[in-house]
Every structure is written in structure tokens, then in C-alpha cells.
């Protein structure tokens, strides 16, 4: 069963800018969801300090169309960008099976 399209974004965040990054990421993700058709995202931090965002889209075309537009929230993008030390290339995923269950009472 196909379950949409997903992208993993990877970042190294400047030391001391973690809260700024979290805030910018959350605001930008909400704007992308509300204005560009994204289905939301989860932000993770690895034990090694790398930040990963797993974003879901209805399909690859929706993601590609959104990328062609100007940012959904310029202020959030600027806030987030100023806190990023390095942004690695995204990893594009075509899900085949989705067995994730939403957490009760989450976001």
C-alpha cells in the first residue's frame, strides 16, 4: 500500500541555537502544512547531535510544486536558517508499508 511521499531533512545546528532552531522549524513546518499542502513533520535529534526532520507529503508532485514556490513563512525560514551550521542533502522516500500508530494525545 502506497502511503504518500516522505523526505528526511538533516541539519547540524549551531551550538547554543537549538531553541531558536526548534522554534523556526515548528513555525515553518506549520506554514508548509497550512499553505503548501504538506502533511506535517517530526523533528528528531540523534545521539551524535544531528537533527533530522521526517516530513510527509500526499505525493512527490505536491512536494516538488511546493519547492518551486517562495517559502511559506519567510520569518520562520530566516530564524531557522540563522541557527543552521550545515544542511545536508535531503533523502527522498517512497513509502511501501506504513505501520506507524499516532501517539494518543500527541500534538
PDB file of N, CA and C in Angstrom:
ATOM      1  N   UNK A   1       0.843  -1.185   0.000  1.00  0.00           N
ATOM      2  CA  UNK A   1       0.000   0.000   0.000  1.00  0.00           C
ATOM      3  C   UNK A   1       0.887   1.246   0.000  1.00  0.00           C
ATOM      4  N   UNK A   2       0.667   2.137  -0.949  1.00  0.00           N
ATOM      5  CA  UNK A   2       1.408   3.397  -1.004  1.00  0.00           C
ATOM      6  C   UNK A   2       0.840   4.356   0.038  1.00  0.00           C
ATOM      7  N   UNK A   3       1.724   5.073   0.709  1.00  0.00           N
ATOM      8  CA  UNK A   3       1.288   5.973   1.780  1.00  0.00           C
ATOM      9  C   UNK A   3       1.808   7.387   1.588  1.00  0.00           C
ATOM     10  N   UNK A   4       1.903   7.855   0.358  1.00  0.00           N
ATOM     11  CA  UNK A   4       2.359   9.215   0.125  1.00  0.00           C
ATOM     12  C   UNK A   4       3.825   9.273  -0.218  1.00  0.00           C
ATOM     13  N   UNK A   5       4.443  10.366   0.155  1.00  0.00           N
ATOM     14  CA  UNK A   5       5.846  10.623  -0.150  1.00  0.00           C
ATOM     15  C   UNK A   5       6.471  11.257   1.077  1.00  0.00           C
ATOM     16  N   UNK A   6       7.698  10.894   1.387  1.00  0.00           N
ATOM     17  CA  UNK A   6       8.363  11.408   2.580  1.00  0.00           C
ATOM     18  C   UNK A   6       9.759  11.909   2.250  1.00  0.00           C
ATOM     19  N   UNK A   7      10.214  12.835   3.062  1.00  0.00           N
ATOM     20  CA  UNK A   7      11.542  13.413   2.900  1.00  0.00           C
ATOM     21  C   UNK A   7      12.192  13.490   4.276  1.00  0.00           C
ATOM     22  N   UNK A   8      13.465  13.119   4.329  1.00  0.00           N
ATOM     23  CA  UNK A   8      14.240  13.301   5.551  1.00  0.00           C
ATOM     24  C   UNK A   8      15.196  14.465   5.309  1.00  0.00           C
ATOM     25  N   UNK A   9      15.093  15.481   6.151  1.00  0.00           N
ATOM     26  CA  UNK A   9      15.997  16.625   6.117  1.00  0.00           C
ATOM     27  C   UNK A   9      16.996  16.458   7.257  1.00  0.00           C
ATOM     28  N   UNK A  10      18.246  16.840   7.017  1.00  0.00           N
ATOM     29  CA  UNK A  10      19.297  16.661   8.021  1.00  0.00           C
ATOM     30  C   UNK A  10      20.044  17.968   8.234  1.00  0.00           C
ATOM     31  N   UNK A  11      20.269  18.307   9.499  1.00  0.00           N
ATOM     32  CA  UNK A  11      20.898  19.577   9.849  1.00  0.00           C
ATOM     33  C   UNK A  11      21.914  19.396  10.975  1.00  0.00           C
ATOM     34  N   UNK A  12      22.929  20.225  10.932  1.00  0.00           N
ATOM     35  CA  UNK A  12      23.795  20.444  12.098  1.00  0.00           C
ATOM     36  C   UNK A  12      23.452  21.857  12.564  1.00  0.00           C
ATOM     37  N   UNK A  13      23.075  21.965  13.814  1.00  0.00           N
ATOM     38  CA  UNK A  13      22.629  23.231  14.375  1.00  0.00           C
ATOM     39  C   UNK A  13      23.776  23.868  15.155  1.00  0.00           C
ATOM     40  N   UNK A  14      23.896  25.174  15.028  1.00  0.00           N
ATOM     41  CA  UNK A  14      24.951  25.902  15.750  1.00  0.00           C
ATOM     42  C   UNK A  14      24.796  25.688  17.256  1.00  0.00           C
ATOM     43  N   UNK A  15      25.880  25.416  17.956  1.00  0.00           N
ATOM     44  CA  UNK A  15      25.794  25.262  19.410  1.00  0.00           C
ATOM     45  C   UNK A  15      25.161  26.500  20.050  1.00  0.00           C
ATOM     46  N   UNK A  16      24.219  26.265  20.925  1.00  0.00           N
ATOM     47  CA  UNK A  16      23.515  27.349  21.608  1.00  0.00           C
ATOM     48  C   UNK A  16      22.287  27.854  20.867  1.00  0.00           C
ATOM     49  N   UNK A  17      22.075  27.397  19.627  1.00  0.00           N
ATOM     50  CA  UNK A  17      20.945  27.874  18.821  1.00  0.00           C
ATOM     51  C   UNK A  17      19.826  26.839  18.718  1.00  0.00           C
ATOM     52  N   UNK A  18      19.867  25.828  19.564  1.00  0.00           N
ATOM     53  CA  UNK A  18      18.898  24.742  19.475  1.00  0.00           C
ATOM     54  C   UNK A  18      17.457  25.214  19.668  1.00  0.00           C
ATOM     55  N   UNK A  19      17.206  26.048  20.653  1.00  0.00           N
ATOM     56  CA  UNK A  19      15.840  26.526  20.885  1.00  0.00           C
ATOM     57  C   UNK A  19      15.349  27.393  19.722  1.00  0.00           C
ATOM     58  N   UNK A  20      16.224  28.221  19.179  1.00  0.00           N
ATOM     59  CA  UNK A  20      15.873  29.046  18.024  1.00  0.00           C
ATOM     60  C   UNK A  20      15.547  28.157  16.830  1.00  0.00           C
ATOM     61  N   UNK A  21      16.358  27.125  16.617  1.00  0.00           N
ATOM     62  CA  UNK A  21      16.114  26.192  15.523  1.00  0.00           C
ATOM     63  C   UNK A  21      14.767  25.496  15.699  1.00  0.00           C
ATOM     64  N   UNK A  22      14.504  24.978  16.905  1.00  0.00           N
ATOM     65  CA  UNK A  22      13.221  24.301  17.172  1.00  0.00           C
ATOM     66  C   UNK A  22      12.042  25.219  16.855  1.00  0.00           C
ATOM     67  N   UNK A  23      12.128  26.450  17.316  1.00  0.00           N
ATOM     68  CA  UNK A  23      11.040  27.411  17.096  1.00  0.00           C
ATOM     69  C   UNK A  23      10.848  27.678  15.600  1.00  0.00           C
ATOM     70  N   UNK A  24      11.929  27.982  14.890  1.00  0.00           N
ATOM     71  CA  UNK A  24      11.839  28.247  13.456  1.00  0.00           C
ATOM     72  C   UNK A  24      11.321  27.039  12.695  1.00  0.00           C
ATOM     73  N   UNK A  25      11.806  25.854  13.048  1.00  0.00           N
ATOM     74  CA  UNK A  25      11.359  24.631  12.383  1.00  0.00           C
ATOM     75  C   UNK A  25       9.866  24.420  12.583  1.00  0.00           C
ATOM     76  N   UNK A  26       9.392  24.584  13.817  1.00  0.00           N
ATOM     77  CA  UNK A  26       7.968  24.373  14.103  1.00  0.00           C
ATOM     78  C   UNK A  26       7.103  25.368  13.333  1.00  0.00           C
ATOM     79  N   UNK A  27       7.487  26.634  13.331  1.00  0.00           N
ATOM     80  CA  UNK A  27       6.705  27.656  12.619  1.00  0.00           C
ATOM     81  C   UNK A  27       6.701  27.392  11.115  1.00  0.00           C
ATOM     82  N   UNK A  28       7.858  27.057  10.559  1.00  0.00           N
ATOM     83  CA  UNK A  28       7.934  26.809   9.125  1.00  0.00           C
ATOM     84  C   UNK A  28       7.153  25.543   8.753  1.00  0.00           C
ATOM     85  N   UNK A  29       7.245  24.514   9.555  1.00  0.00           N
ATOM     86  CA  UNK A  29       6.512  23.275   9.278  1.00  0.00           C
ATOM     87  C   UNK A  29       5.007  23.518   9.303  1.00  0.00           C
ATOM     88  N   UNK A  30       4.524  24.291  10.268  1.00  0.00           N
ATOM     89  CA  UNK A  30       3.089  24.616  10.321  1.00  0.00           C
ATOM     90  C   UNK A  30       2.661  25.404   9.088  1.00  0.00           C
ATOM     91  N   UNK A  31       3.497  26.349   8.659  1.00  0.00           N
ATOM     92  CA  UNK A  31       3.167  27.146   7.472  1.00  0.00           C
ATOM     93  C   UNK A  31       3.150  26.273   6.221  1.00  0.00           C
ATOM     94  N   UNK A  32       4.087  25.351   6.112  1.00  0.00           N
ATOM     95  CA  UNK A  32       4.104  24.442   4.955  1.00  0.00           C
ATOM     96  C   UNK A  32       2.863  23.562   4.968  1.00  0.00           C
ATOM     97  N   UNK A  33       2.494  23.092   6.131  1.00  0.00           N
ATOM     98  CA  UNK A  33       1.274  22.275   6.247  1.00  0.00           C
ATOM     99  C   UNK A  33       0.038  23.089   5.859  1.00  0.00           C
ATOM    100  N   UNK A  34      -0.050  24.298   6.374  1.00  0.00           N
ATOM    101  CA  UNK A  34      -1.244  25.123   6.173  1.00  0.00           C
ATOM    102  C   UNK A  34      -1.313  25.772   4.787  1.00  0.00           C
ATOM    103  N   UNK A  35      -0.162  26.088   4.189  1.00  0.00           N
ATOM    104  CA  UNK A  35      -0.154  26.874   2.948  1.00  0.00           C
ATOM    105  C   UNK A  35       0.383  26.140   1.720  1.00  0.00           C
ATOM    106  N   UNK A  36       1.045  25.014   1.915  1.00  0.00           N
ATOM    107  CA  UNK A  36       1.679  24.340   0.782  1.00  0.00           C
ATOM    108  C   UNK A  36       1.249  22.884   0.602  1.00  0.00           C
ATOM    109  N   UNK A  37       0.392  22.376   1.472  1.00  0.00           N
ATOM    110  CA  UNK A  37      -0.114  21.028   1.290  1.00  0.00           C
ATOM    111  C   UNK A  37       0.689  19.917   1.933  1.00  0.00           C
ATOM    112  N   UNK A  38       1.710  20.273   2.712  1.00  0.00           N
ATOM    113  CA  UNK A  38       2.462  19.250   3.439  1.00  0.00           C
ATOM    114  C   UNK A  38       1.573  18.592   4.480  1.00  0.00           C
ATOM    115  N   UNK A  39       1.936  17.396   4.888  1.00  0.00           N
ATOM    116  CA  UNK A  39       1.145  16.653   5.877  1.00  0.00           C
ATOM    117  C   UNK A  39       1.769  16.684   7.264  1.00  0.00           C
ATOM    118  N   UNK A  40       2.760  17.528   7.454  1.00  0.00           N
ATOM    119  CA  UNK A  40       3.401  17.642   8.749  1.00  0.00           C
ATOM    120  C   UNK A  40       4.752  16.955   8.776  1.00  0.00           C
ATOM    121  N   UNK A  41       5.378  17.030   9.925  1.00  0.00           N
ATOM    122  CA  UNK A  41       6.734  16.531  10.060  1.00  0.00           C
ATOM    123  C   UNK A  41       7.029  16.222  11.517  1.00  0.00           C
ATOM    124  N   UNK A  42       8.029  15.412  11.721  1.00  0.00           N
ATOM    125  CA  UNK A  42       8.551  15.137  13.067  1.00  0.00           C
ATOM    126  C   UNK A  42      10.015  15.533  13.077  1.00  0.00           C
ATOM    127  N   UNK A  43      10.433  16.204  14.141  1.00  0.00           N
ATOM    128  CA  UNK A  43      11.824  16.613  14.291  1.00  0.00           C
ATOM    129  C   UNK A  43      12.479  15.707  15.323  1.00  0.00           C
ATOM    130  N   UNK A  44      13.664  15.234  14.996  1.00  0.00           N
ATOM    131  CA  UNK A  44      14.413  14.326  15.870  1.00  0.00           C
ATOM    132  C   UNK A  44      15.838  14.846  16.033  1.00  0.00           C
ATOM    133  N   UNK A  45      16.463  14.445  17.124  1.00  0.00           N
ATOM    134  CA  UNK A  45      17.893  14.701  17.313  1.00  0.00           C
ATOM    135  C   UNK A  45      18.568  13.378  17.599  1.00  0.00           C
ATOM    136  N   UNK A  46      19.652  13.094  16.882  1.00  0.00           N
ATOM    137  CA  UNK A  46      20.364  11.840  17.075  1.00  0.00           C
ATOM    138  C   UNK A  46      21.291  11.947  18.280  1.00  0.00           C
ATOM    139  N   UNK A  47      21.770  10.815  18.739  1.00  0.00           N
ATOM    140  CA  UNK A  47      22.726  10.801  19.846  1.00  0.00           C
ATOM    141  C   UNK A  47      24.007  11.552  19.489  1.00  0.00           C
ATOM    142  N   UNK A  48      24.310  11.635  18.190  1.00  0.00           N
ATOM    143  CA  UNK A  48      25.511  12.329  17.727  1.00  0.00           C
ATOM    144  C   UNK A  48      25.281  13.830  17.552  1.00  0.00           C
ATOM    145  N   UNK A  49      24.061  14.302  17.789  1.00  0.00           N
ATOM    146  CA  UNK A  49      23.777  15.731  17.694  1.00  0.00           C
ATOM    147  C   UNK A  49      23.257  16.202  16.350  1.00  0.00           C
ATOM    148  N   UNK A  50      23.055  15.289  15.407  1.00  0.00           N
ATOM    149  CA  UNK A  50      22.481  15.655  14.116  1.00  0.00           C
ATOM    150  C   UNK A  50      20.967  15.773  14.273  1.00  0.00           C
ATOM    151  N   UNK A  51      20.372  16.769  13.642  1.00  0.00           N
ATOM    152  CA  UNK A  51      18.930  16.971  13.678  1.00  0.00           C
ATOM    153  C   UNK A  51      18.328  16.417  12.398  1.00  0.00           C
ATOM    154  N   UNK A  52      17.269  15.617  12.533  1.00  0.00           N
ATOM    155  CA  UNK A  52      16.581  15.014  11.397  1.00  0.00           C
ATOM    156  C   UNK A  52      15.119  15.403  11.447  1.00  0.00           C
ATOM    157  N   UNK A  53      14.578  15.799  10.318  1.00  0.00           N
ATOM    158  CA  UNK A  53      13.143  16.070  10.213  1.00  0.00           C
ATOM    159  C   UNK A  53      12.572  15.113   9.180  1.00  0.00           C
ATOM    160  N   UNK A  54      11.557  14.394   9.574  1.00  0.00           N
ATOM    161  CA  UNK A  54      10.860  13.449   8.697  1.00  0.00           C
ATOM    162  C   UNK A  54       9.559  14.116   8.288  1.00  0.00           C
ATOM    163  N   UNK A  55       9.453  14.508   7.020  1.00  0.00           N
ATOM    164  CA  UNK A  55       8.277  15.224   6.528  1.00  0.00           C
ATOM    165  C   UNK A  55       7.476  14.345   5.586  1.00  0.00           C
ATOM    166  N   UNK A  56       6.155  14.444   5.687  1.00  0.00           N
ATOM    167  CA  UNK A  56       5.283  13.640   4.840  1.00  0.00           C
ATOM    168  C   UNK A  56       4.466  14.542   3.925  1.00  0.00           C
ATOM    169  N   UNK A  57       4.256  14.055   2.687  1.00  0.00           N
ATOM    170  CA  UNK A  57       3.508  14.768   1.663  1.00  0.00           C
ATOM    171  C   UNK A  57       2.510  13.818   1.025  1.00  0.00           C
ATOM    172  N   UNK A  58       1.441  14.345   0.428  1.00  0.00           N
ATOM    173  CA  UNK A  58       0.481  13.467  -0.241  1.00  0.00           C
ATOM    174  C   UNK A  58       1.122  12.663  -1.375  1.00  0.00           C
ATOM    175  N   UNK A  59       2.081  13.312  -2.087  1.00  0.00           N
ATOM    176  CA  UNK A  59       2.778  12.659  -3.189  1.00  0.00           C
ATOM    177  C   UNK A  59       3.998  13.498  -3.557  1.00  0.00           C
ATOM    178  N   UNK A  60       4.842  12.935  -4.384  1.00  0.00           N
ATOM    179  CA  UNK A  60       6.072  13.623  -4.772  1.00  0.00           C
ATOM    180  C   UNK A  60       5.779  14.907  -5.549  1.00  0.00           C
ATOM    181  N   UNK A  61       4.767  14.896  -6.401  1.00  0.00           N
ATOM    182  CA  UNK A  61       4.425  16.090  -7.175  1.00  0.00           C
ATOM    183  C   UNK A  61       4.078  17.268  -6.266  1.00  0.00           C
ATOM    184  N   UNK A  62       3.327  17.017  -5.193  1.00  0.00           N
ATOM    185  CA  UNK A  62       2.969  18.085  -4.254  1.00  0.00           C
ATOM    186  C   UNK A  62       4.223  18.678  -3.615  1.00  0.00           C
ATOM    187  N   UNK A  63       5.171  17.828  -3.246  1.00  0.00           N
ATOM    188  CA  UNK A  63       6.441  18.284  -2.656  1.00  0.00           C
ATOM    189  C   UNK A  63       7.218  19.120  -3.659  1.00  0.00           C
ATOM    190  N   UNK A  64       7.318  18.627  -4.896  1.00  0.00           N
ATOM    191  CA  UNK A  64       8.069  19.354  -5.918  1.00  0.00           C
ATOM    192  C   UNK A  64       7.422  20.698  -6.257  1.00  0.00           C
ATOM    193  N   UNK A  65       6.089  20.751  -6.316  1.00  0.00           N
ATOM    194  CA  UNK A  65       5.407  22.029  -6.566  1.00  0.00           C
ATOM    195  C   UNK A  65       5.679  23.014  -5.437  1.00  0.00           C
ATOM    196  N   UNK A  66       5.623  22.552  -4.207  1.00  0.00           N
ATOM    197  CA  UNK A  66       5.870  23.432  -3.059  1.00  0.00           C
ATOM    198  C   UNK A  66       7.296  23.978  -3.070  1.00  0.00           C
ATOM    199  N   UNK A  67       8.239  23.174  -3.511  1.00  0.00           N
ATOM    200  CA  UNK A  67       9.643  23.614  -3.574  1.00  0.00           C
ATOM    201  C   UNK A  67       9.855  24.723  -4.597  1.00  0.00           C
ATOM    202  N   UNK A  68       8.982  24.808  -5.595  1.00  0.00           N
ATOM    203  CA  UNK A  68       9.107  25.829  -6.636  1.00  0.00           C
ATOM    204  C   UNK A  68       8.593  27.195  -6.180  1.00  0.00           C
ATOM    205  N   UNK A  69       7.821  27.209  -5.104  1.00  0.00           N
ATOM    206  CA  UNK A  69       7.248  28.449  -4.588  1.00  0.00           C
ATOM    207  C   UNK A  69       8.195  29.103  -3.589  1.00  0.00           C
ATOM    208  N   UNK A  70       7.980  30.391  -3.355  1.00  0.00           N
ATOM    209  CA  UNK A  70       8.774  31.037  -2.304  1.00  0.00           C
ATOM    210  C   UNK A  70       8.381  30.432  -0.963  1.00  0.00           C
ATOM    211  N   UNK A  71       9.217  30.601   0.028  1.00  0.00           N
ATOM    212  CA  UNK A  71       8.993  29.971   1.329  1.00  0.00           C
ATOM    213  C   UNK A  71       7.614  30.312   1.894  1.00  0.00           C
ATOM    214  N   UNK A  72       7.037  29.375   2.602  1.00  0.00           N
ATOM    215  CA  UNK A  72       5.701  29.557   3.177  1.00  0.00           C
ATOM    216  C   UNK A  72       5.706  30.542   4.337  1.00  0.00           C
ATOM    217  N   UNK A  73       6.847  30.765   4.978  1.00  0.00           N
ATOM    218  CA  UNK A  73       6.958  31.707   6.092  1.00  0.00           C
ATOM    219  C   UNK A  73       8.383  32.263   6.112  1.00  0.00           C
ATOM    220  N   UNK A  74       8.602  33.407   5.483  1.00  0.00           N
ATOM    221  CA  UNK A  74       9.963  33.963   5.395  1.00  0.00           C
ATOM    222  C   UNK A  74      10.621  34.205   6.744  1.00  0.00           C
ATOM    223  N   UNK A  75       9.872  34.674   7.731  1.00  0.00           N
ATOM    224  CA  UNK A  75      10.469  34.932   9.050  1.00  0.00           C
ATOM    225  C   UNK A  75      10.936  33.637   9.702  1.00  0.00           C
ATOM    226  N   UNK A  76      10.111  32.600   9.651  1.00  0.00           N
ATOM    227  CA  UNK A  76      10.486  31.315  10.237  1.00  0.00           C
ATOM    228  C   UNK A  76      11.676  30.713   9.497  1.00  0.00           C
ATOM    229  N   UNK A  77      11.673  30.826   8.173  1.00  0.00           N
ATOM    230  CA  UNK A  77      12.791  30.301   7.385  1.00  0.00           C
ATOM    231  C   UNK A  77      14.093  31.019   7.739  1.00  0.00           C
ATOM    232  N   UNK A  78      14.022  32.320   7.931  1.00  0.00           N
ATOM    233  CA  UNK A  78      15.200  33.096   8.311  1.00  0.00           C
ATOM    234  C   UNK A  78      15.684  32.695   9.708  1.00  0.00           C
ATOM    235  N   UNK A  79      14.757  32.571  10.653  1.00  0.00           N
ATOM    236  CA  UNK A  79      15.106  32.163  12.015  1.00  0.00           C
ATOM    237  C   UNK A  79      15.784  30.802  12.006  1.00  0.00           C
ATOM    238  N   UNK A  80      15.179  29.871  11.302  1.00  0.00           N
ATOM    239  CA  UNK A  80      15.730  28.531  11.229  1.00  0.00           C
ATOM    240  C   UNK A  80      17.087  28.550  10.528  1.00  0.00           C
ATOM    241  N   UNK A  81      17.172  29.254   9.405  1.00  0.00           N
ATOM    242  CA  UNK A  81      18.414  29.301   8.641  1.00  0.00           C
ATOM    243  C   UNK A  81      19.582  29.878   9.416  1.00  0.00           C
ATOM    244  N   UNK A  82      19.317  30.883  10.236  1.00  0.00           N
ATOM    245  CA  UNK A  82      20.388  31.508  11.023  1.00  0.00           C
ATOM    246  C   UNK A  82      20.936  30.575  12.091  1.00  0.00           C
ATOM    247  N   UNK A  83      20.173  29.563  12.460  1.00  0.00           N
ATOM    248  CA  UNK A  83      20.629  28.640  13.504  1.00  0.00           C
ATOM    249  C   UNK A  83      21.291  27.381  12.939  1.00  0.00           C
ATOM    250  N   UNK A  84      21.283  27.238  11.619  1.00  0.00           N
ATOM    251  CA  UNK A  84      21.841  26.043  10.986  1.00  0.00           C
ATOM    252  C   UNK A  84      23.306  26.253  10.631  1.00  0.00           C
ATOM    253  N   UNK A  85      24.127  25.325  11.084  1.00  0.00           N
ATOM    254  CA  UNK A  85      25.548  25.323  10.752  1.00  0.00           C
ATOM    255  C   UNK A  85      25.784  24.632   9.410  1.00  0.00           C
ATOM    256  N   UNK A  86      25.044  23.536   9.179  1.00  0.00           N
ATOM    257  CA  UNK A  86      25.175  22.776   7.934  1.00  0.00           C
ATOM    258  C   UNK A  86      23.850  22.099   7.619  1.00  0.00           C
ATOM    259  N   UNK A  87      23.461  22.135   6.368  1.00  0.00           N
ATOM    260  CA  UNK A  87      22.264  21.451   5.899  1.00  0.00           C
ATOM    261  C   UNK A  87      22.705  20.408   4.884  1.00  0.00           C
ATOM    262  N   UNK A  88      22.409  19.162   5.157  1.00  0.00           N
ATOM    263  CA  UNK A  88      22.801  18.064   4.282  1.00  0.00           C
ATOM    264  C   UNK A  88      21.705  17.818   3.243  1.00  0.00           C
ATOM    265  N   UNK A  89      22.034  17.191   2.126  1.00  0.00           N
ATOM    266  CA  UNK A  89      21.016  16.932   1.099  1.00  0.00           C
ATOM    267  C   UNK A  89      19.865  16.101   1.654  1.00  0.00           C
ATOM    268  N   UNK A  90      18.644  16.377   1.203  1.00  0.00           N
ATOM    269  CA  UNK A  90      17.502  15.594   1.688  1.00  0.00           C
ATOM    270  C   UNK A  90      17.548  14.166   1.158  1.00  0.00           C
ATOM    271  N   UNK A  91      16.917  13.283   1.896  1.00  0.00           N
ATOM    272  CA  UNK A  91      16.757  11.893   1.492  1.00  0.00           C
ATOM    273  C   UNK A  91      15.291  11.718   1.110  1.00  0.00           C
ATOM    274  N   UNK A  92      15.043  11.306  -0.130  1.00  0.00           N
ATOM    275  CA  UNK A  92      13.683  11.162  -0.640  1.00  0.00           C
ATOM    276  C   UNK A  92      13.230   9.719  -0.465  1.00  0.00           C
ATOM    277  N   UNK A  93      12.002   9.544   0.027  1.00  0.00           N
ATOM    278  CA  UNK A  93      11.499   8.209   0.353  1.00  0.00           C
ATOM    279  C   UNK A  93      10.143   7.962  -0.279  1.00  0.00           C
ATOM    280  N   UNK A  94       9.987   6.816  -0.867  1.00  0.00           N
ATOM    281  CA  UNK A  94       8.696   6.351  -1.387  1.00  0.00           C
ATOM    282  C   UNK A  94       8.229   5.241  -0.447  1.00  0.00           C
ATOM    283  N   UNK A  95       7.360   5.545   0.517  1.00  0.00           N
ATOM    284  CA  UNK A  95       6.918   4.516   1.461  1.00  0.00           C
ATOM    285  C   UNK A  95       6.212   3.356   0.758  1.00  0.00           C
ATOM    286  N   UNK A  96       6.442   2.177   1.248  1.00  0.00           N
ATOM    287  CA  UNK A  96       5.803   0.981   0.728  1.00  0.00           C
ATOM    288  C   UNK A  96       4.765   0.439   1.706  1.00  0.00           C
ATOM    289  N   UNK A  97       5.087   0.460   2.983  1.00  0.00           N
ATOM    290  CA  UNK A  97       4.167  -0.020   4.018  1.00  0.00           C
ATOM    291  C   UNK A  97       4.264   0.942   5.200  1.00  0.00           C
ATOM    292  N   UNK A  98       3.131   1.344   5.770  1.00  0.00           N
ATOM    293  CA  UNK A  98       3.102   2.261   6.908  1.00  0.00           C
ATOM    294  C   UNK A  98       2.426   1.561   8.076  1.00  0.00           C
ATOM    295  N   UNK A  99       3.198   1.250   9.097  1.00  0.00           N
ATOM    296  CA  UNK A  99       2.658   0.618  10.295  1.00  0.00           C
ATOM    297  C   UNK A  99       2.795   1.499  11.524  1.00  0.00           C
ATOM    298  N   UNK A 100       3.083   2.797  11.333  1.00  0.00           N
ATOM    299  CA  UNK A 100       3.171   3.725  12.462  1.00  0.00           C
ATOM    300  C   UNK A 100       1.775   3.990  13.028  1.00  0.00           C
ATOM    301  N   UNK A 101       1.698   4.083  14.325  1.00  0.00           N
ATOM    302  CA  UNK A 101       0.456   4.449  15.016  1.00  0.00           C
ATOM    303  C   UNK A 101       0.667   5.817  15.653  1.00  0.00           C
ATOM    304  N   UNK A 102      -0.306   6.725  15.534  1.00  0.00           N
ATOM    305  CA  UNK A 102      -0.147   8.027  16.201  1.00  0.00           C
ATOM    306  C   UNK A 102      -0.179   7.836  17.714  1.00  0.00           C
ATOM    307  N   UNK A 103       0.596   8.647  18.417  1.00  0.00           N
ATOM    308  CA  UNK A 103       0.602   8.614  19.876  1.00  0.00           C
ATOM    309  C   UNK A 103      -0.673   9.248  20.400  1.00  0.00           C
ATOM    310  N   UNK A 104      -1.297   8.629  21.360  1.00  0.00           N
ATOM    311  CA  UNK A 104      -2.508   9.198  21.967  1.00  0.00           C
ATOM    312  C   UNK A 104      -2.150  10.526  22.634  1.00  0.00           C
ATOM    313  N   UNK A 105      -2.940  11.556  22.341  1.00  0.00           N
ATOM    314  CA  UNK A 105      -2.742  12.857  22.974  1.00  0.00           C
ATOM    315  C   UNK A 105      -1.553  13.627  22.452  1.00  0.00           C
ATOM    316  N   UNK A 106      -0.952  13.203  21.338  1.00  0.00           N
ATOM    317  CA  UNK A 106       0.211  13.922  20.830  1.00  0.00           C
ATOM    318  C   UNK A 106      -0.237  15.137  20.032  1.00  0.00           C
ATOM    319  N   UNK A 107       0.684  16.087  19.910  1.00  0.00           N
ATOM    320  CA  UNK A 107       0.494  17.318  19.163  1.00  0.00           C
ATOM    321  C   UNK A 107      -0.927  17.477  18.743  1.00  0.00           C
TER     322      UNK A 107
END
